[in-house]
């Protein structure tokens, strides 16, 4: 049995690290990927393939995704934000729910960029303000966690985006997937991953019936 571990955590040294160990007990290889959703997600907010295995995980093999709860603002030259588009974040800025929680996206000197985040906006939320010089339908902005984009919206001139992160984690399988791909609103072959209090490692196993089993212990 092979075991591939991918460490995506980019958190501070004292931050809690979460791990998701994913086992393929099906009869065919799959790309495993992790994404987030909001409890109530607006139709114009899209989830991204947050993490994805770099190749298909073969039957009997596993992969471990690891992350920390550290947030960032992100932007990308995505064109129209629709499912299947590869986001390919063009830039990011670290931010905090309890500190620097607001940034401005602009094209000063024809250079798309996020300003250095400052404290402001709604407490407990992350705000991206769009400048008047932002062209519609060209860029997208949003937030990320542990160094990777997780949610984005179409960037529109003079329109703020406010995110209140209370993410739900999901594991899914696909024949093809890459990190940063804009996901459809409905995803099959998935399962929600919930971390109980004081539990920082969870296990997800895909059966030969293409059904996920999630538990606190390895199967």
N, C-alpha and C. Protein backbone atom coordinates (compact mmCIF):
# COMPACT_ATOMS: atom_id res chain seq x y z
N UNK A 1 0.86 -1.20 0.00
CA UNK A 1 0.00 0.00 0.00
C UNK A 1 0.89 1.24 0.00
N UNK A 2 0.69 2.14 -0.96
CA UNK A 2 1.48 3.36 -0.99
C UNK A 2 0.78 4.44 -0.18
N UNK A 3 1.55 5.41 0.29
CA UNK A 3 1.00 6.47 1.12
C UNK A 3 1.70 7.76 0.75
N UNK A 4 0.93 8.72 0.21
CA UNK A 4 1.46 10.01 -0.17
C UNK A 4 0.94 11.05 0.80
N UNK A 5 1.83 11.85 1.38
CA UNK A 5 1.42 12.92 2.28
C UNK A 5 1.74 14.26 1.65
N UNK A 6 0.73 15.14 1.59
CA UNK A 6 0.92 16.47 1.03
C UNK A 6 0.66 17.49 2.12
N UNK A 7 1.65 18.30 2.46
CA UNK A 7 1.51 19.29 3.51
C UNK A 7 1.25 20.64 2.88
N UNK A 8 -0.02 21.10 2.93
CA UNK A 8 -0.37 22.38 2.34
C UNK A 8 -0.45 23.49 3.40
N UNK A 9 -0.20 23.17 4.68
CA UNK A 9 -0.39 24.16 5.74
C UNK A 9 0.61 25.29 5.59
N UNK A 10 0.11 26.52 5.75
CA UNK A 10 0.97 27.69 5.66
C UNK A 10 0.65 28.60 6.83
N UNK A 11 0.33 27.98 7.98
CA UNK A 11 -0.11 28.73 9.14
C UNK A 11 1.07 29.08 10.01
N UNK A 12 0.82 29.95 10.97
CA UNK A 12 1.85 30.29 11.95
C UNK A 12 2.17 29.06 12.78
N UNK A 13 3.36 29.10 13.41
CA UNK A 13 3.85 27.90 14.10
C UNK A 13 2.93 27.48 15.23
N UNK A 14 2.22 28.43 15.84
CA UNK A 14 1.38 28.08 16.98
C UNK A 14 -0.06 27.80 16.58
N UNK A 15 -0.35 27.75 15.27
CA UNK A 15 -1.73 27.53 14.81
C UNK A 15 -2.04 26.04 14.83
N UNK A 16 -3.32 25.72 15.01
CA UNK A 16 -3.76 24.33 14.98
C UNK A 16 -3.67 23.79 13.56
N UNK A 17 -3.16 22.58 13.43
CA UNK A 17 -3.06 21.91 12.14
C UNK A 17 -4.12 20.83 12.05
N UNK A 18 -4.86 20.81 10.94
CA UNK A 18 -5.88 19.80 10.69
C UNK A 18 -5.39 18.88 9.57
N UNK A 19 -5.72 17.59 9.69
CA UNK A 19 -5.32 16.62 8.68
C UNK A 19 -6.52 15.78 8.26
N UNK A 20 -6.57 15.46 6.98
CA UNK A 20 -7.60 14.59 6.44
C UNK A 20 -6.90 13.48 5.66
N UNK A 21 -7.02 12.26 6.15
CA UNK A 21 -6.39 11.10 5.52
C UNK A 21 -7.43 10.42 4.64
N UNK A 22 -7.17 10.35 3.34
CA UNK A 22 -8.15 9.84 2.38
C UNK A 22 -7.65 8.53 1.77
N UNK A 23 -8.44 7.48 1.92
CA UNK A 23 -8.09 6.14 1.46
C UNK A 23 -8.97 5.74 0.29
N UNK A 24 -8.36 5.19 -0.76
CA UNK A 24 -9.12 4.71 -1.91
C UNK A 24 -9.28 3.19 -1.81
N UNK A 25 -10.45 2.76 -1.38
CA UNK A 25 -10.78 1.33 -1.33
C UNK A 25 -11.71 0.93 -2.47
N UNK A 26 -11.81 1.78 -3.49
CA UNK A 26 -12.61 1.44 -4.66
C UNK A 26 -11.75 0.60 -5.61
N UNK A 27 -12.31 0.27 -6.75
CA UNK A 27 -11.60 -0.58 -7.70
C UNK A 27 -10.94 0.19 -8.83
N UNK A 28 -11.10 1.52 -8.83
CA UNK A 28 -10.51 2.35 -9.89
C UNK A 28 -9.80 3.54 -9.28
N UNK A 29 -8.84 4.12 -9.96
CA UNK A 29 -8.15 5.30 -9.43
C UNK A 29 -8.99 6.57 -9.58
N UNK A 30 -8.84 7.48 -8.61
CA UNK A 30 -9.57 8.74 -8.62
C UNK A 30 -8.65 9.88 -8.22
N UNK A 31 -8.98 11.08 -8.70
CA UNK A 31 -8.40 12.29 -8.12
C UNK A 31 -9.24 12.66 -6.91
N UNK A 32 -8.62 12.79 -5.76
CA UNK A 32 -9.32 13.24 -4.55
C UNK A 32 -9.10 14.74 -4.40
N UNK A 33 -10.17 15.45 -4.04
CA UNK A 33 -10.01 16.88 -3.82
C UNK A 33 -10.87 17.34 -2.65
N UNK A 34 -10.45 18.45 -2.04
CA UNK A 34 -11.12 19.02 -0.88
C UNK A 34 -11.63 20.41 -1.25
N UNK A 35 -12.84 20.72 -0.82
CA UNK A 35 -13.38 22.06 -1.05
C UNK A 35 -14.19 22.51 0.15
N UNK A 36 -14.53 23.78 0.17
CA UNK A 36 -15.30 24.36 1.27
C UNK A 36 -16.62 24.91 0.75
N UNK A 37 -17.61 24.92 1.61
CA UNK A 37 -18.86 25.62 1.33
C UNK A 37 -19.23 26.47 2.53
N UNK A 38 -20.13 27.41 2.31
CA UNK A 38 -20.67 28.24 3.39
C UNK A 38 -22.00 27.66 3.83
N UNK A 39 -22.38 27.85 5.10
CA UNK A 39 -23.69 27.35 5.55
C UNK A 39 -24.83 27.84 4.67
N UNK A 40 -24.79 29.11 4.30
CA UNK A 40 -25.75 29.67 3.34
C UNK A 40 -24.91 30.40 2.29
N UNK A 41 -24.72 29.77 1.13
CA UNK A 41 -23.81 30.31 0.13
C UNK A 41 -24.57 31.01 -0.98
N UNK A 42 -24.33 32.32 -1.16
CA UNK A 42 -25.00 33.05 -2.25
C UNK A 42 -24.66 32.44 -3.60
N UNK A 43 -25.55 32.61 -4.57
CA UNK A 43 -25.36 32.00 -5.88
C UNK A 43 -24.19 32.60 -6.64
N UNK A 44 -23.76 33.81 -6.27
CA UNK A 44 -22.63 34.43 -6.97
C UNK A 44 -21.30 34.18 -6.28
N UNK A 45 -21.30 33.38 -5.22
CA UNK A 45 -20.06 32.98 -4.56
C UNK A 45 -19.76 31.54 -4.94
N UNK A 46 -18.60 31.31 -5.52
CA UNK A 46 -18.23 29.99 -6.01
C UNK A 46 -17.15 29.36 -5.14
N UNK A 47 -17.32 28.07 -4.87
CA UNK A 47 -16.28 27.31 -4.19
C UNK A 47 -15.22 26.90 -5.21
N UNK A 48 -13.97 26.86 -4.75
CA UNK A 48 -12.88 26.39 -5.59
C UNK A 48 -12.43 25.01 -5.11
N UNK A 49 -11.81 24.26 -6.02
CA UNK A 49 -11.12 23.05 -5.60
C UNK A 49 -9.93 23.52 -4.77
N UNK A 50 -10.09 23.44 -3.47
CA UNK A 50 -9.13 24.03 -2.53
C UNK A 50 -7.81 23.25 -2.57
N UNK A 51 -7.88 21.96 -2.39
CA UNK A 51 -6.73 21.06 -2.56
C UNK A 51 -7.13 19.94 -3.51
N UNK A 52 -6.16 19.39 -4.20
CA UNK A 52 -6.42 18.25 -5.08
C UNK A 52 -5.16 17.41 -5.19
N UNK A 53 -5.34 16.10 -5.25
CA UNK A 53 -4.19 15.23 -5.43
C UNK A 53 -3.55 15.53 -6.79
N UNK A 54 -2.22 15.50 -6.89
CA UNK A 54 -1.56 15.86 -8.16
C UNK A 54 -1.72 14.81 -9.23
N UNK A 55 -2.21 13.65 -8.87
CA UNK A 55 -2.48 12.57 -9.80
C UNK A 55 -3.54 11.68 -9.18
N UNK A 56 -4.04 10.71 -9.95
CA UNK A 56 -5.07 9.83 -9.42
C UNK A 56 -4.51 8.95 -8.30
N UNK A 57 -5.33 8.74 -7.27
CA UNK A 57 -4.96 7.86 -6.17
C UNK A 57 -5.43 6.45 -6.53
N UNK A 58 -4.52 5.54 -6.64
CA UNK A 58 -4.83 4.19 -7.10
C UNK A 58 -5.53 3.39 -6.01
N UNK A 59 -6.24 2.32 -6.36
CA UNK A 59 -6.89 1.46 -5.37
C UNK A 59 -5.87 0.95 -4.34
N UNK A 60 -6.24 1.07 -3.07
CA UNK A 60 -5.36 0.65 -1.99
C UNK A 60 -4.40 1.71 -1.51
N UNK A 61 -4.41 2.89 -2.16
CA UNK A 61 -3.50 3.97 -1.78
C UNK A 61 -4.24 5.06 -1.04
N UNK A 62 -3.49 5.98 -0.44
CA UNK A 62 -4.10 7.06 0.34
C UNK A 62 -3.30 8.34 0.15
N UNK A 63 -3.90 9.43 0.55
CA UNK A 63 -3.26 10.74 0.53
C UNK A 63 -3.72 11.50 1.77
N UNK A 64 -2.84 12.34 2.32
CA UNK A 64 -3.18 13.15 3.48
C UNK A 64 -3.12 14.62 3.12
N UNK A 65 -4.21 15.34 3.31
CA UNK A 65 -4.26 16.79 3.14
C UNK A 65 -4.14 17.43 4.52
N UNK A 66 -3.29 18.44 4.64
CA UNK A 66 -3.03 19.09 5.92
C UNK A 66 -3.14 20.60 5.76
N UNK A 67 -3.78 21.27 6.72
CA UNK A 67 -3.93 22.73 6.61
C UNK A 67 -4.04 23.38 7.98
N UNK A 68 -3.91 24.70 7.97
CA UNK A 68 -4.12 25.53 9.16
C UNK A 68 -5.19 26.56 8.88
N UNK A 69 -5.75 27.14 9.92
CA UNK A 69 -6.84 28.11 9.76
C UNK A 69 -6.22 29.51 9.67
N UNK A 70 -5.60 29.81 8.56
CA UNK A 70 -5.07 31.15 8.34
C UNK A 70 -5.65 31.66 7.02
N UNK A 71 -6.18 32.87 7.04
CA UNK A 71 -6.92 33.40 5.90
C UNK A 71 -6.08 34.34 5.04
N UNK A 72 -6.54 34.51 3.80
CA UNK A 72 -5.91 35.45 2.88
C UNK A 72 -6.95 35.98 1.91
N UNK A 73 -6.67 37.15 1.36
CA UNK A 73 -7.44 37.66 0.23
C UNK A 73 -6.75 37.19 -1.06
N UNK A 74 -7.54 36.88 -2.08
CA UNK A 74 -6.96 36.41 -3.35
C UNK A 74 -7.62 37.11 -4.52
N UNK A 75 -6.90 37.20 -5.63
CA UNK A 75 -7.47 37.68 -6.89
C UNK A 75 -6.92 36.84 -8.02
N UNK A 76 -7.67 36.79 -9.13
CA UNK A 76 -7.21 36.04 -10.28
C UNK A 76 -7.72 36.63 -11.57
N UNK A 77 -6.98 36.39 -12.64
CA UNK A 77 -7.37 36.81 -13.99
C UNK A 77 -8.17 35.67 -14.62
N UNK A 78 -9.40 35.52 -14.17
CA UNK A 78 -10.19 34.33 -14.49
C UNK A 78 -11.15 34.53 -15.64
N UNK A 79 -11.38 35.77 -16.07
CA UNK A 79 -12.46 36.02 -16.99
C UNK A 79 -13.79 35.83 -16.28
N UNK A 80 -14.81 35.42 -17.01
CA UNK A 80 -16.11 35.17 -16.37
C UNK A 80 -16.01 33.97 -15.44
N UNK A 81 -16.49 34.14 -14.22
CA UNK A 81 -16.40 33.07 -13.22
C UNK A 81 -17.56 32.10 -13.43
N UNK A 82 -17.26 30.94 -13.98
CA UNK A 82 -18.24 29.89 -14.20
C UNK A 82 -17.61 28.55 -13.85
N UNK A 83 -18.43 27.54 -13.51
CA UNK A 83 -17.88 26.22 -13.17
C UNK A 83 -16.97 25.67 -14.28
N UNK A 84 -15.83 25.13 -13.87
CA UNK A 84 -14.87 24.57 -14.81
C UNK A 84 -13.72 25.49 -15.13
N UNK A 85 -13.88 26.80 -14.86
CA UNK A 85 -12.79 27.75 -15.10
C UNK A 85 -11.69 27.50 -14.07
N UNK A 86 -10.44 27.51 -14.51
CA UNK A 86 -9.32 27.38 -13.57
C UNK A 86 -8.97 28.76 -13.06
N UNK A 87 -9.11 28.93 -11.75
CA UNK A 87 -8.98 30.25 -11.15
C UNK A 87 -7.56 30.80 -11.26
N UNK A 88 -6.55 29.97 -10.97
CA UNK A 88 -5.16 30.39 -11.07
C UNK A 88 -4.94 31.75 -10.41
N UNK A 89 -5.01 31.78 -9.09
CA UNK A 89 -4.91 33.03 -8.35
C UNK A 89 -3.68 33.82 -8.77
N UNK A 90 -3.89 35.11 -9.07
CA UNK A 90 -2.79 35.95 -9.50
C UNK A 90 -2.05 36.61 -8.37
N UNK A 91 -2.67 36.67 -7.20
CA UNK A 91 -2.03 37.30 -6.06
C UNK A 91 -2.82 37.08 -4.80
N UNK A 92 -2.17 37.26 -3.67
CA UNK A 92 -2.84 37.07 -2.39
C UNK A 92 -2.21 37.96 -1.34
N UNK A 93 -2.97 38.22 -0.30
CA UNK A 93 -2.49 38.99 0.85
C UNK A 93 -3.02 38.33 2.12
N UNK A 94 -2.15 38.05 3.09
CA UNK A 94 -2.63 37.46 4.35
C UNK A 94 -3.53 38.43 5.09
N UNK A 95 -4.54 37.90 5.76
CA UNK A 95 -5.48 38.73 6.50
C UNK A 95 -5.93 38.00 7.76
N UNK A 96 -6.77 38.66 8.54
CA UNK A 96 -7.20 38.09 9.81
C UNK A 96 -8.61 38.53 10.15
N UNK A 97 -9.39 37.62 10.71
CA UNK A 97 -10.74 37.97 11.16
C UNK A 97 -10.71 38.92 12.35
N UNK A 98 -9.63 38.90 13.10
CA UNK A 98 -9.53 39.71 14.32
C UNK A 98 -8.59 40.90 14.17
N UNK A 99 -8.07 41.10 12.96
CA UNK A 99 -7.14 42.21 12.75
C UNK A 99 -7.35 42.84 11.39
N UNK A 100 -6.33 42.73 10.53
CA UNK A 100 -6.39 43.32 9.19
C UNK A 100 -7.37 42.52 8.32
N UNK A 101 -8.60 43.01 8.21
CA UNK A 101 -9.68 42.24 7.58
C UNK A 101 -10.31 42.91 6.36
N UNK A 102 -9.65 43.96 5.82
CA UNK A 102 -10.24 44.67 4.68
C UNK A 102 -9.14 45.06 3.70
N UNK A 103 -9.42 44.86 2.40
CA UNK A 103 -8.48 45.23 1.35
C UNK A 103 -9.23 45.87 0.20
N UNK A 104 -8.50 46.47 -0.73
CA UNK A 104 -9.08 47.05 -1.93
C UNK A 104 -8.40 46.46 -3.16
N UNK A 105 -9.20 45.99 -4.12
CA UNK A 105 -8.67 45.48 -5.37
C UNK A 105 -8.78 46.57 -6.42
N UNK A 106 -7.66 46.85 -7.11
CA UNK A 106 -7.64 47.94 -8.07
C UNK A 106 -6.69 47.63 -9.22
N UNK A 107 -6.74 48.46 -10.25
CA UNK A 107 -5.83 48.35 -11.40
C UNK A 107 -5.01 49.62 -11.51
N UNK A 108 -4.38 50.03 -10.45
CA UNK A 108 -3.55 51.23 -10.48
C UNK A 108 -2.39 51.03 -11.45
N UNK A 109 -2.18 51.97 -12.36
CA UNK A 109 -1.14 51.89 -13.37
C UNK A 109 -1.29 50.61 -14.21
N UNK A 110 -2.54 50.18 -14.41
CA UNK A 110 -2.88 48.99 -15.19
C UNK A 110 -2.27 47.72 -14.59
N UNK A 111 -2.06 47.73 -13.28
CA UNK A 111 -1.50 46.56 -12.59
C UNK A 111 -2.50 46.08 -11.55
N UNK A 112 -3.19 44.94 -11.80
CA UNK A 112 -4.16 44.44 -10.81
C UNK A 112 -3.45 44.09 -9.51
N UNK A 113 -4.04 44.52 -8.41
CA UNK A 113 -3.41 44.28 -7.12
C UNK A 113 -4.39 44.46 -5.98
N UNK A 114 -4.07 43.80 -4.87
CA UNK A 114 -4.77 43.99 -3.61
C UNK A 114 -3.94 44.90 -2.73
N UNK A 115 -4.61 45.82 -2.06
CA UNK A 115 -3.89 46.69 -1.14
C UNK A 115 -3.52 45.93 0.13
N UNK A 116 -2.58 46.46 0.87
CA UNK A 116 -2.22 45.87 2.15
C UNK A 116 -3.44 45.90 3.07
N UNK A 117 -3.88 44.76 3.58
CA UNK A 117 -5.09 44.73 4.41
C UNK A 117 -4.96 45.61 5.66
N UNK A 118 -6.08 46.23 6.02
CA UNK A 118 -6.16 47.07 7.21
C UNK A 118 -7.35 46.63 8.05
N UNK A 119 -7.40 47.09 9.27
CA UNK A 119 -8.53 46.80 10.13
C UNK A 119 -9.70 47.71 9.78
N UNK A 120 -10.86 47.13 9.54
CA UNK A 120 -12.04 47.91 9.17
C UNK A 120 -13.15 46.98 8.75
N UNK A 121 -14.21 47.53 8.21
CA UNK A 121 -15.31 46.68 7.76
C UNK A 121 -16.03 46.04 8.94
N UNK A 122 -16.70 44.95 8.66
CA UNK A 122 -17.50 44.27 9.67
C UNK A 122 -16.62 43.38 10.54
N UNK A 123 -16.84 43.45 11.84
CA UNK A 123 -16.08 42.61 12.77
C UNK A 123 -16.39 41.14 12.49
N UNK A 124 -15.35 40.31 12.44
CA UNK A 124 -15.54 38.89 12.19
C UNK A 124 -15.74 38.53 10.74
N UNK A 125 -15.59 39.51 9.84
CA UNK A 125 -15.74 39.26 8.41
C UNK A 125 -14.51 39.75 7.66
N UNK A 126 -14.41 39.34 6.40
CA UNK A 126 -13.33 39.76 5.51
C UNK A 126 -13.94 40.49 4.33
N UNK A 127 -13.45 41.69 4.03
CA UNK A 127 -14.06 42.54 3.01
C UNK A 127 -13.07 42.88 1.91
N UNK A 128 -13.51 42.68 0.65
CA UNK A 128 -12.75 43.10 -0.52
C UNK A 128 -13.53 44.23 -1.18
N UNK A 129 -12.97 45.44 -1.17
CA UNK A 129 -13.58 46.57 -1.86
C UNK A 129 -13.03 46.63 -3.28
N UNK A 130 -13.91 46.86 -4.27
CA UNK A 130 -13.51 46.93 -5.67
C UNK A 130 -13.44 48.40 -6.10
N UNK A 131 -12.31 48.80 -6.67
CA UNK A 131 -12.15 50.18 -7.12
C UNK A 131 -12.97 50.46 -8.37
N UNK A 132 -13.13 51.74 -8.66
CA UNK A 132 -13.89 52.15 -9.85
C UNK A 132 -13.19 51.75 -11.14
N UNK A 133 -11.87 51.53 -11.10
CA UNK A 133 -11.14 51.20 -12.32
C UNK A 133 -11.06 49.70 -12.59
N UNK A 134 -11.84 48.89 -11.86
CA UNK A 134 -11.87 47.45 -12.09
C UNK A 134 -12.82 47.14 -13.24
N UNK A 135 -12.36 46.52 -14.33
CA UNK A 135 -13.26 46.19 -15.44
C UNK A 135 -14.15 45.00 -15.09
N UNK A 136 -15.39 45.06 -15.50
CA UNK A 136 -16.31 43.96 -15.21
C UNK A 136 -16.02 42.75 -16.09
N UNK A 137 -16.17 41.56 -15.51
CA UNK A 137 -16.05 40.33 -16.27
C UNK A 137 -14.64 39.89 -16.60
N UNK A 138 -13.63 40.48 -15.98
CA UNK A 138 -12.24 40.14 -16.29
C UNK A 138 -11.56 39.43 -15.13
N UNK A 139 -11.75 39.95 -13.94
CA UNK A 139 -11.07 39.42 -12.77
C UNK A 139 -12.07 38.83 -11.77
N UNK A 140 -11.54 38.08 -10.84
CA UNK A 140 -12.32 37.59 -9.71
C UNK A 140 -11.51 37.77 -8.45
N UNK A 141 -12.20 37.98 -7.35
CA UNK A 141 -11.55 38.16 -6.05
C UNK A 141 -12.29 37.34 -5.01
N UNK A 142 -11.62 37.09 -3.91
CA UNK A 142 -12.24 36.30 -2.86
C UNK A 142 -11.30 36.07 -1.71
N UNK A 143 -11.46 34.93 -1.05
CA UNK A 143 -10.64 34.62 0.11
C UNK A 143 -10.06 33.21 -0.03
N UNK A 144 -9.00 32.98 0.70
CA UNK A 144 -8.38 31.67 0.73
C UNK A 144 -8.04 31.28 2.15
N UNK A 145 -7.61 30.03 2.30
CA UNK A 145 -7.17 29.51 3.59
C UNK A 145 -5.94 28.65 3.37
N UNK A 146 -4.99 28.77 4.27
CA UNK A 146 -3.77 27.96 4.23
C UNK A 146 -3.06 28.08 2.89
N UNK A 147 -3.06 29.29 2.34
CA UNK A 147 -2.30 29.57 1.14
C UNK A 147 -2.97 29.25 -0.18
N UNK A 148 -4.24 28.78 -0.15
CA UNK A 148 -4.94 28.42 -1.38
C UNK A 148 -6.33 29.05 -1.41
N UNK A 149 -6.76 29.52 -2.59
CA UNK A 149 -8.08 30.11 -2.72
C UNK A 149 -9.18 29.12 -2.39
N UNK A 150 -10.22 29.61 -1.71
CA UNK A 150 -11.34 28.73 -1.34
C UNK A 150 -12.69 29.24 -1.86
N UNK A 151 -12.90 30.57 -1.89
CA UNK A 151 -14.14 31.15 -2.40
C UNK A 151 -13.82 32.36 -3.26
N UNK A 152 -14.54 32.52 -4.38
CA UNK A 152 -14.35 33.71 -5.22
C UNK A 152 -15.69 34.19 -5.77
N UNK A 153 -15.66 35.46 -6.18
CA UNK A 153 -16.78 36.07 -6.88
C UNK A 153 -16.23 36.86 -8.07
N UNK A 154 -17.11 37.20 -9.00
CA UNK A 154 -16.71 38.08 -10.09
C UNK A 154 -16.40 39.46 -9.53
N UNK A 155 -15.28 40.03 -9.94
CA UNK A 155 -14.93 41.38 -9.52
C UNK A 155 -15.72 42.39 -10.35
N UNK A 156 -16.43 43.29 -9.67
CA UNK A 156 -17.24 44.30 -10.32
C UNK A 156 -16.88 45.68 -9.76
N UNK A 157 -16.80 46.67 -10.62
CA UNK A 157 -16.40 48.00 -10.20
C UNK A 157 -17.31 48.54 -9.11
N UNK A 158 -16.69 49.15 -8.12
CA UNK A 158 -17.40 49.83 -7.03
C UNK A 158 -18.34 48.92 -6.24
N UNK A 159 -18.00 47.65 -6.12
CA UNK A 159 -18.87 46.74 -5.38
C UNK A 159 -18.05 45.99 -4.32
N UNK A 160 -18.47 46.06 -3.06
CA UNK A 160 -17.75 45.34 -2.01
C UNK A 160 -18.15 43.87 -1.96
N UNK A 161 -17.23 43.03 -1.53
CA UNK A 161 -17.49 41.63 -1.25
C UNK A 161 -17.20 41.40 0.23
N UNK A 162 -18.17 40.84 0.93
CA UNK A 162 -18.02 40.59 2.36
C UNK A 162 -18.17 39.10 2.62
N UNK A 163 -17.17 38.50 3.25
CA UNK A 163 -17.18 37.07 3.58
C UNK A 163 -17.13 36.90 5.09
N UNK A 164 -18.00 36.05 5.61
CA UNK A 164 -17.97 35.69 7.02
C UNK A 164 -17.66 34.19 7.09
N UNK A 165 -16.39 33.85 7.20
CA UNK A 165 -15.99 32.44 7.06
C UNK A 165 -16.44 31.57 8.23
N UNK A 166 -17.32 30.65 7.93
CA UNK A 166 -17.66 29.54 8.82
C UNK A 166 -17.73 28.31 7.93
N UNK A 167 -16.59 27.91 7.37
CA UNK A 167 -16.61 26.93 6.28
C UNK A 167 -16.97 25.52 6.71
N UNK A 168 -17.60 24.82 5.77
CA UNK A 168 -17.80 23.38 5.88
C UNK A 168 -16.81 22.73 4.92
N UNK A 169 -16.19 21.65 5.38
CA UNK A 169 -15.20 20.95 4.56
C UNK A 169 -15.83 19.74 3.89
N UNK A 170 -15.40 19.48 2.64
CA UNK A 170 -15.91 18.34 1.88
C UNK A 170 -14.77 17.63 1.18
N UNK A 171 -14.87 16.31 1.08
CA UNK A 171 -13.97 15.51 0.27
C UNK A 171 -14.78 14.97 -0.90
N UNK A 172 -14.15 14.91 -2.07
CA UNK A 172 -14.84 14.42 -3.26
C UNK A 172 -13.85 13.70 -4.17
N UNK A 173 -14.39 12.97 -5.13
CA UNK A 173 -13.58 12.22 -6.09
C UNK A 173 -14.02 12.56 -7.50
N UNK A 174 -13.06 12.62 -8.40
CA UNK A 174 -13.37 12.92 -9.79
C UNK A 174 -12.33 12.26 -10.69
N UNK A 175 -12.67 12.11 -11.96
CA UNK A 175 -11.69 11.55 -12.89
C UNK A 175 -10.64 12.58 -13.26
N UNK A 176 -11.03 13.87 -13.21
CA UNK A 176 -10.10 14.96 -13.46
C UNK A 176 -10.43 16.12 -12.53
N UNK A 177 -9.40 16.75 -11.97
CA UNK A 177 -9.59 17.93 -11.13
C UNK A 177 -8.24 18.56 -10.86
N UNK A 178 -8.23 19.88 -10.77
CA UNK A 178 -7.02 20.61 -10.42
C UNK A 178 -7.35 21.62 -9.34
N UNK A 179 -6.36 21.94 -8.51
CA UNK A 179 -6.55 23.01 -7.53
C UNK A 179 -6.88 24.30 -8.25
N UNK A 180 -7.83 25.05 -7.70
CA UNK A 180 -8.20 26.33 -8.27
C UNK A 180 -9.32 26.29 -9.28
N UNK A 181 -9.84 25.13 -9.61
CA UNK A 181 -10.96 25.05 -10.55
C UNK A 181 -12.24 25.51 -9.86
N UNK A 182 -13.02 26.33 -10.56
CA UNK A 182 -14.31 26.78 -10.05
C UNK A 182 -15.29 25.61 -10.11
N UNK A 183 -15.92 25.30 -8.98
CA UNK A 183 -16.76 24.11 -8.89
C UNK A 183 -18.23 24.43 -9.16
N UNK A 184 -18.96 23.41 -9.60
CA UNK A 184 -20.40 23.53 -9.79
C UNK A 184 -21.09 23.60 -8.43
N UNK A 185 -22.32 24.06 -8.43
CA UNK A 185 -23.06 24.18 -7.18
C UNK A 185 -23.41 22.81 -6.60
N UNK A 186 -23.59 21.80 -7.47
CA UNK A 186 -23.93 20.45 -7.02
C UNK A 186 -22.79 19.51 -7.37
N UNK A 187 -22.30 18.78 -6.37
CA UNK A 187 -21.18 17.85 -6.56
C UNK A 187 -21.58 16.49 -6.03
N UNK A 188 -21.29 15.46 -6.80
CA UNK A 188 -21.58 14.09 -6.38
C UNK A 188 -20.30 13.42 -5.91
N UNK A 189 -20.43 12.20 -5.39
CA UNK A 189 -19.29 11.44 -4.86
C UNK A 189 -18.52 12.30 -3.85
N UNK A 190 -19.26 12.84 -2.90
CA UNK A 190 -18.62 13.69 -1.89
C UNK A 190 -19.12 13.31 -0.50
N UNK A 191 -18.46 13.87 0.51
CA UNK A 191 -18.87 13.67 1.90
C UNK A 191 -18.36 14.84 2.72
N UNK A 192 -19.17 15.27 3.68
CA UNK A 192 -18.76 16.36 4.54
C UNK A 192 -17.80 15.85 5.62
N UNK A 193 -16.80 16.66 5.92
CA UNK A 193 -15.82 16.33 6.95
C UNK A 193 -16.02 17.29 8.11
N UNK A 194 -16.41 16.76 9.26
CA UNK A 194 -16.61 17.57 10.45
C UNK A 194 -15.60 17.15 11.51
N UNK A 195 -14.88 18.10 12.05
CA UNK A 195 -13.91 17.83 13.10
C UNK A 195 -14.55 18.07 14.47
N UNK A 196 -14.76 17.01 15.26
CA UNK A 196 -15.29 17.22 16.61
C UNK A 196 -14.31 18.04 17.45
N UNK A 197 -14.78 18.53 18.57
CA UNK A 197 -13.94 19.32 19.46
C UNK A 197 -12.70 18.54 19.87
N UNK A 198 -11.54 19.18 19.78
CA UNK A 198 -10.24 18.61 20.17
C UNK A 198 -9.81 17.44 19.29
N UNK A 199 -10.44 17.27 18.12
CA UNK A 199 -10.03 16.26 17.15
C UNK A 199 -9.48 16.99 15.92
N UNK A 200 -8.25 16.65 15.52
CA UNK A 200 -7.59 17.39 14.46
C UNK A 200 -7.20 16.51 13.27
N UNK A 201 -7.51 15.22 13.35
CA UNK A 201 -7.27 14.31 12.23
C UNK A 201 -8.53 13.50 11.98
N UNK A 202 -9.00 13.51 10.73
CA UNK A 202 -10.15 12.71 10.34
C UNK A 202 -9.75 11.81 9.18
N UNK A 203 -10.55 10.73 9.00
CA UNK A 203 -10.26 9.73 7.98
C UNK A 203 -11.48 9.59 7.06
N UNK A 204 -11.22 9.58 5.76
CA UNK A 204 -12.28 9.41 4.76
C UNK A 204 -11.89 8.27 3.82
N UNK A 205 -12.77 7.29 3.68
CA UNK A 205 -12.50 6.12 2.86
C UNK A 205 -13.55 5.98 1.78
N UNK A 206 -13.10 5.84 0.54
CA UNK A 206 -14.00 5.64 -0.59
C UNK A 206 -14.13 4.14 -0.86
N UNK A 207 -15.35 3.62 -0.82
CA UNK A 207 -15.58 2.18 -0.96
C UNK A 207 -15.65 1.78 -2.43
N UNK A 208 -15.79 0.46 -2.66
CA UNK A 208 -15.91 -0.03 -4.03
C UNK A 208 -17.27 0.30 -4.63
N UNK A 209 -18.19 0.83 -3.80
CA UNK A 209 -19.47 1.34 -4.29
C UNK A 209 -19.44 2.84 -4.52
N UNK A 210 -18.25 3.44 -4.45
CA UNK A 210 -18.04 4.88 -4.63
C UNK A 210 -18.77 5.69 -3.55
N UNK A 211 -18.80 5.15 -2.34
CA UNK A 211 -19.43 5.81 -1.19
C UNK A 211 -18.35 6.12 -0.16
N UNK A 212 -18.39 7.35 0.36
CA UNK A 212 -17.43 7.76 1.37
C UNK A 212 -17.87 7.37 2.77
N UNK A 213 -16.93 6.94 3.57
CA UNK A 213 -17.15 6.73 5.01
C UNK A 213 -16.17 7.63 5.75
N UNK A 214 -16.68 8.45 6.66
CA UNK A 214 -15.85 9.41 7.40
C UNK A 214 -15.86 9.01 8.87
N UNK A 215 -14.67 8.99 9.49
CA UNK A 215 -14.57 8.57 10.89
C UNK A 215 -13.36 9.21 11.54
N UNK A 216 -13.25 9.04 12.86
CA UNK A 216 -12.12 9.57 13.61
C UNK A 216 -10.96 8.58 13.66
N UNK A 217 -11.18 7.37 13.17
CA UNK A 217 -10.13 6.36 13.21
C UNK A 217 -9.92 5.77 11.82
N UNK A 218 -8.74 5.26 11.58
CA UNK A 218 -8.41 4.67 10.30
C UNK A 218 -9.12 3.33 10.13
N UNK A 219 -9.69 3.09 8.95
CA UNK A 219 -10.39 1.84 8.68
C UNK A 219 -9.42 0.75 8.21
